[in-house]
Amino acid sequence: MLHQVFIPIHRAGWPFVAGFFAASVILGFLWSPLFWIGLVATAWCVYFFRDPPRVVPSRNGLVVSPADGRISFIGPALAPPELGLGEEPLTRVSVFLNIFDVHVNRIPVDGWVSVLHYEAGTFVNAALDKASEDNERQSIRLDTPAGVSFGLVQIAGLIARRIVCNLNLEDQVRAGQRFGLIRFGSRVDLYLPAGLAPLVVVGQRAIAGETVIADLLSEEEPRHGESI
């Protein structure tokens, strides 16, 4: 019961929680209603940085979602050139996170980190397609034991101003492993290897580490969805 009520907070959030609470106390001395307003803001900050445990499917070949949020785009797109994934379009699956989603990002597939590249940029709405090229981003290439490569890109949004990535080159990683977060609204793009069909549809809600995005061992055709 306690684990369901008291969800852990990501360590990157504690300075913000402490700052919000300190500001609430100071403002409360100036005018008592401001303390309660600040306390509400502090509670929202705790909620934003929550880091709930996830149950990760554990079978070779499964590719899980790197982020909580709504699948906002599935289609062909050129991967960022720094990833070295070629000049042909790959299937990109974009997950858009609003300010109410869990913002802890997770590794989509077992493998190792072969490329890490940070690119400064603008902060347009992450829901827009041009955010993939224009916005601040952290690009990650993951190579797998099966000999295929994935591109993973954290993209800052209109409100997000800080990308956190805790990976290093040559790190061995596992599907579902936490690797960072993006503060206050953002997007994560996942570039699939050529020929790999996504098992999700646009508009679907994804859960980081749990929702299966694709299956390297499957020959299933791309799925289609409808609202009912």
Protein backbone atom coordinates (compact mmCIF):
# COMPACT_ATOMS: atom_id res chain seq x y z
CA MET A 1 0.00 0.00 0.00
CA LEU A 2 2.79 2.46 0.91
CA HIS A 3 4.51 1.82 -2.44
CA GLN A 4 1.28 2.74 -4.23
CA VAL A 5 0.84 5.98 -2.26
CA PHE A 6 4.44 7.15 -1.92
CA ILE A 7 5.89 6.92 -5.43
CA PRO A 8 9.67 7.51 -5.61
CA ILE A 9 10.94 10.82 -6.97
CA HIS A 10 13.73 10.99 -9.53
CA ARG A 11 16.89 12.39 -7.95
CA ALA A 12 17.03 15.20 -10.51
CA GLY A 13 13.76 16.50 -9.09
CA TRP A 14 14.79 16.93 -5.46
CA PRO A 15 16.51 20.35 -5.98
CA PHE A 16 13.32 21.63 -7.60
CA VAL A 17 11.10 20.25 -4.85
CA ALA A 18 13.34 21.81 -2.19
CA GLY A 19 13.43 25.12 -4.07
CA PHE A 20 9.65 25.26 -4.46
CA PHE A 21 9.14 24.49 -0.78
CA ALA A 22 11.72 27.08 0.36
CA ALA A 23 10.08 29.71 -1.84
CA SER A 24 6.69 28.79 -0.32
CA VAL A 25 8.00 29.37 3.21
CA ILE A 26 9.61 32.70 2.30
CA LEU A 27 6.50 33.93 0.48
CA GLY A 28 4.37 32.76 3.40
CA PHE A 29 6.15 35.23 5.66
CA LEU A 30 5.17 38.02 3.29
CA TRP A 31 1.54 36.95 2.94
CA SER A 32 0.21 33.71 4.42
CA PRO A 33 -2.02 32.69 1.45
CA LEU A 34 1.13 32.60 -0.71
CA PHE A 35 2.44 29.73 1.42
CA TRP A 36 -0.52 27.55 0.47
CA ILE A 37 -0.23 28.49 -3.19
CA GLY A 38 3.45 27.60 -3.04
CA LEU A 39 2.63 24.33 -1.31
CA VAL A 40 0.33 23.39 -4.18
CA ALA A 41 3.14 24.21 -6.62
CA THR A 42 5.52 22.06 -4.56
CA ALA A 43 3.07 19.15 -4.67
CA TRP A 44 2.83 19.50 -8.45
CA CYS A 45 6.64 19.45 -8.66
CA VAL A 46 6.72 16.22 -6.65
CA TYR A 47 4.09 14.78 -9.01
CA PHE A 48 6.05 15.84 -12.10
CA PHE A 49 9.28 14.16 -10.99
CA ARG A 50 7.64 10.91 -9.88
CA ASP A 51 9.52 7.78 -10.90
CA PRO A 52 7.21 4.75 -10.59
CA PRO A 53 8.56 1.21 -11.02
CA ARG A 54 7.66 -0.58 -14.23
CA VAL A 55 7.29 -4.25 -15.22
CA VAL A 56 9.43 -4.69 -18.35
CA PRO A 57 8.62 -7.55 -20.79
CA SER A 58 11.68 -9.81 -20.78
CA ARG A 59 11.99 -11.63 -24.11
CA ASN A 60 14.75 -11.28 -26.69
CA GLY A 61 13.78 -8.99 -29.53
CA LEU A 62 11.19 -6.85 -27.79
CA VAL A 63 11.49 -3.09 -28.18
CA VAL A 64 9.74 -1.12 -25.45
CA SER A 65 8.68 2.50 -25.32
CA PRO A 66 11.37 4.94 -24.16
CA ALA A 67 8.82 7.35 -22.71
CA ASP A 68 5.35 7.79 -21.28
CA GLY A 69 3.01 9.77 -23.49
CA ARG A 70 0.98 9.77 -26.68
CA ILE A 71 2.26 8.28 -29.93
CA SER A 72 2.18 11.45 -32.02
CA PHE A 73 3.88 10.28 -35.24
CA ILE A 74 4.75 7.05 -37.04
CA GLY A 75 6.30 7.32 -40.46
CA PRO A 76 9.45 7.58 -42.57
CA ALA A 77 11.99 10.19 -41.51
CA LEU A 78 15.70 10.81 -41.79
CA ALA A 79 17.56 10.08 -38.58
CA PRO A 80 19.83 12.84 -37.23
CA PRO A 81 23.11 12.61 -39.21
CA GLU A 82 25.22 12.38 -36.05
CA LEU A 83 23.78 8.90 -35.39
CA GLY A 84 25.32 7.43 -38.55
CA LEU A 85 22.20 5.45 -39.43
CA GLY A 86 22.42 6.13 -43.15
CA GLU A 87 20.83 8.56 -45.58
CA GLU A 88 17.65 6.59 -46.23
CA PRO A 89 14.47 7.31 -44.26
CA LEU A 90 13.75 5.01 -41.32
CA THR A 91 10.49 4.47 -39.48
CA ARG A 92 10.30 7.03 -36.69
CA VAL A 93 8.01 6.56 -33.70
CA SER A 94 7.55 9.79 -31.74
CA VAL A 95 6.21 9.89 -28.18
CA PHE A 96 4.95 13.28 -27.01
CA LEU A 97 5.02 13.96 -23.26
CA ASN A 98 2.77 16.59 -21.72
CA ILE A 99 3.44 18.13 -18.31
CA PHE A 100 1.30 15.48 -16.57
CA ASP A 101 3.19 12.45 -17.93
CA VAL A 102 6.01 10.65 -16.13
CA HIS A 103 9.16 12.20 -17.61
CA VAL A 104 11.70 9.52 -16.72
CA ASN A 105 13.04 8.00 -19.96
CA ARG A 106 13.94 4.33 -20.39
CA ILE A 107 16.12 2.29 -22.75
CA PRO A 108 14.02 0.62 -25.48
CA VAL A 109 16.19 -2.43 -26.26
CA ASP A 110 19.11 -4.47 -24.96
CA GLY A 111 22.47 -3.40 -26.36
CA TRP A 112 25.21 -0.83 -25.89
CA VAL A 113 25.69 2.89 -26.50
CA SER A 114 27.78 3.54 -29.61
CA VAL A 115 27.00 7.24 -30.20
CA LEU A 116 26.16 10.13 -27.85
CA HIS A 117 25.68 13.59 -29.31
CA TYR A 118 24.19 16.74 -27.79
CA GLU A 119 22.89 19.47 -30.12
CA ALA A 120 21.86 22.91 -28.87
CA GLY A 121 18.78 24.39 -30.51
CA THR A 122 15.51 26.24 -30.15
CA PHE A 123 12.49 25.43 -27.98
CA VAL A 124 9.48 25.27 -30.31
CA ASN A 125 6.49 23.10 -29.48
CA ALA A 126 7.75 19.49 -29.31
CA ALA A 127 4.52 18.31 -30.97
CA LEU A 128 5.60 19.95 -34.23
CA ASP A 129 7.52 17.84 -36.72
CA LYS A 130 10.25 20.46 -37.17
CA ALA A 131 11.20 20.03 -33.50
CA SER A 132 13.20 16.95 -34.56
CA GLU A 133 15.63 19.22 -36.41
CA ASP A 134 15.32 22.62 -34.74
CA ASN A 135 15.04 21.90 -31.02
CA GLU A 136 17.69 21.13 -28.45
CA ARG A 137 18.28 17.40 -28.52
CA GLN A 138 20.34 14.52 -27.16
CA SER A 139 20.92 11.81 -29.75
CA ILE A 140 21.79 8.23 -28.76
CA ARG A 141 22.61 5.27 -30.96
CA LEU A 142 22.06 1.80 -29.54
CA ASP A 143 23.64 -1.24 -31.17
CA THR A 144 22.21 -4.65 -30.31
CA PRO A 145 23.62 -8.19 -30.14
CA ALA A 146 21.39 -9.00 -33.13
CA GLY A 147 23.52 -6.63 -35.24
CA VAL A 148 20.91 -3.89 -35.71
CA SER A 149 20.97 -0.28 -34.57
CA PHE A 150 18.35 2.04 -33.10
CA GLY A 151 18.32 5.81 -32.90
CA LEU A 152 16.95 7.40 -29.72
CA VAL A 153 16.54 11.18 -29.47
CA GLN A 154 15.46 13.22 -26.46
CA ILE A 155 13.96 16.51 -27.67
CA ALA A 156 13.34 19.54 -25.48
CA GLY A 157 9.97 21.23 -25.90
CA LEU A 158 8.35 24.63 -25.58
CA ILE A 159 8.54 24.55 -21.78
CA ALA A 160 11.31 21.98 -21.29
CA ARG A 161 14.72 23.62 -20.93
CA ARG A 162 16.89 20.82 -19.62
CA ILE A 163 17.69 17.38 -21.01
CA VAL A 164 19.19 14.90 -18.56
CA CYS A 165 21.05 11.88 -19.98
CA ASN A 166 23.03 9.63 -17.66
CA LEU A 167 24.62 7.44 -20.34
CA ASN A 168 28.26 7.10 -21.37
CA LEU A 169 29.78 5.73 -24.55
CA GLU A 170 30.11 1.93 -24.58
CA ASP A 171 27.65 1.51 -21.70
CA GLN A 172 25.91 -1.85 -21.73
CA VAL A 173 22.18 -1.21 -21.34
CA ARG A 174 19.02 -3.24 -20.86
CA ALA A 175 15.50 -2.67 -22.12
CA GLY A 176 13.51 -0.73 -19.53
CA GLN A 177 16.59 0.71 -17.79
CA ARG A 178 16.25 4.34 -16.70
CA PHE A 179 18.66 6.63 -18.49
CA GLY A 180 17.45 10.22 -18.05
CA LEU A 181 14.56 12.64 -18.30
CA ILE A 182 13.45 15.89 -19.91
CA ARG A 183 11.98 18.56 -17.68
CA PHE A 184 8.52 20.01 -18.23
CA GLY A 185 7.07 18.75 -21.52
CA SER A 186 9.03 17.18 -24.37
CA ARG A 187 9.27 14.44 -27.00
CA VAL A 188 11.29 11.28 -27.56
CA ASP A 189 11.90 9.94 -31.07
CA LEU A 190 12.76 6.28 -31.70
CA TYR A 191 14.21 5.32 -35.10
CA LEU A 192 13.62 1.66 -35.94
CA PRO A 193 15.93 -0.47 -38.13
CA ALA A 194 14.89 -0.78 -41.77
CA GLY A 195 12.13 -3.33 -42.28
CA LEU A 196 10.98 -3.43 -38.65
CA ALA A 197 7.25 -2.76 -38.34
CA PRO A 198 5.90 -0.79 -35.36
CA LEU A 199 3.27 -2.51 -33.22
CA VAL A 200 1.70 0.75 -32.01
CA VAL A 201 -0.51 3.33 -33.72
CA VAL A 202 -0.75 7.11 -33.70
CA GLY A 203 -2.87 8.36 -30.80
CA GLN A 204 -2.10 5.35 -28.59
CA ARG A 205 -0.86 5.95 -25.06
CA ALA A 206 2.55 4.46 -24.33
CA ILE A 207 4.10 3.53 -20.99
CA ALA A 208 7.89 3.69 -20.76
CA GLY A 209 9.45 0.30 -20.28
CA GLU A 210 6.15 -1.59 -20.68
CA THR A 211 4.48 -0.78 -24.01
CA VAL A 212 5.97 -2.92 -26.81
CA ILE A 213 6.85 -0.66 -29.75
CA ALA A 214 8.23 -3.39 -32.05
CA ASP A 215 9.48 -6.98 -32.07
CA LEU A 216 12.70 -7.95 -33.84
CA LEU A 217 11.51 -11.58 -34.01
CA SER A 218 8.12 -10.79 -35.53
CA GLU A 219 7.08 -10.56 -39.19
CA GLU A 220 3.78 -8.87 -38.37
CA GLU A 221 2.58 -6.08 -40.67
CA PRO A 222 2.27 -2.52 -39.31
CA ARG A 223 -0.87 -2.09 -37.24
CA HIS A 224 -3.71 0.32 -37.85
CA GLY A 225 -5.96 1.81 -35.20
CA GLU A 226 -9.36 3.43 -34.88
CA SER A 227 -11.10 5.40 -32.15
CA ILE A 228 -14.15 3.64 -30.70
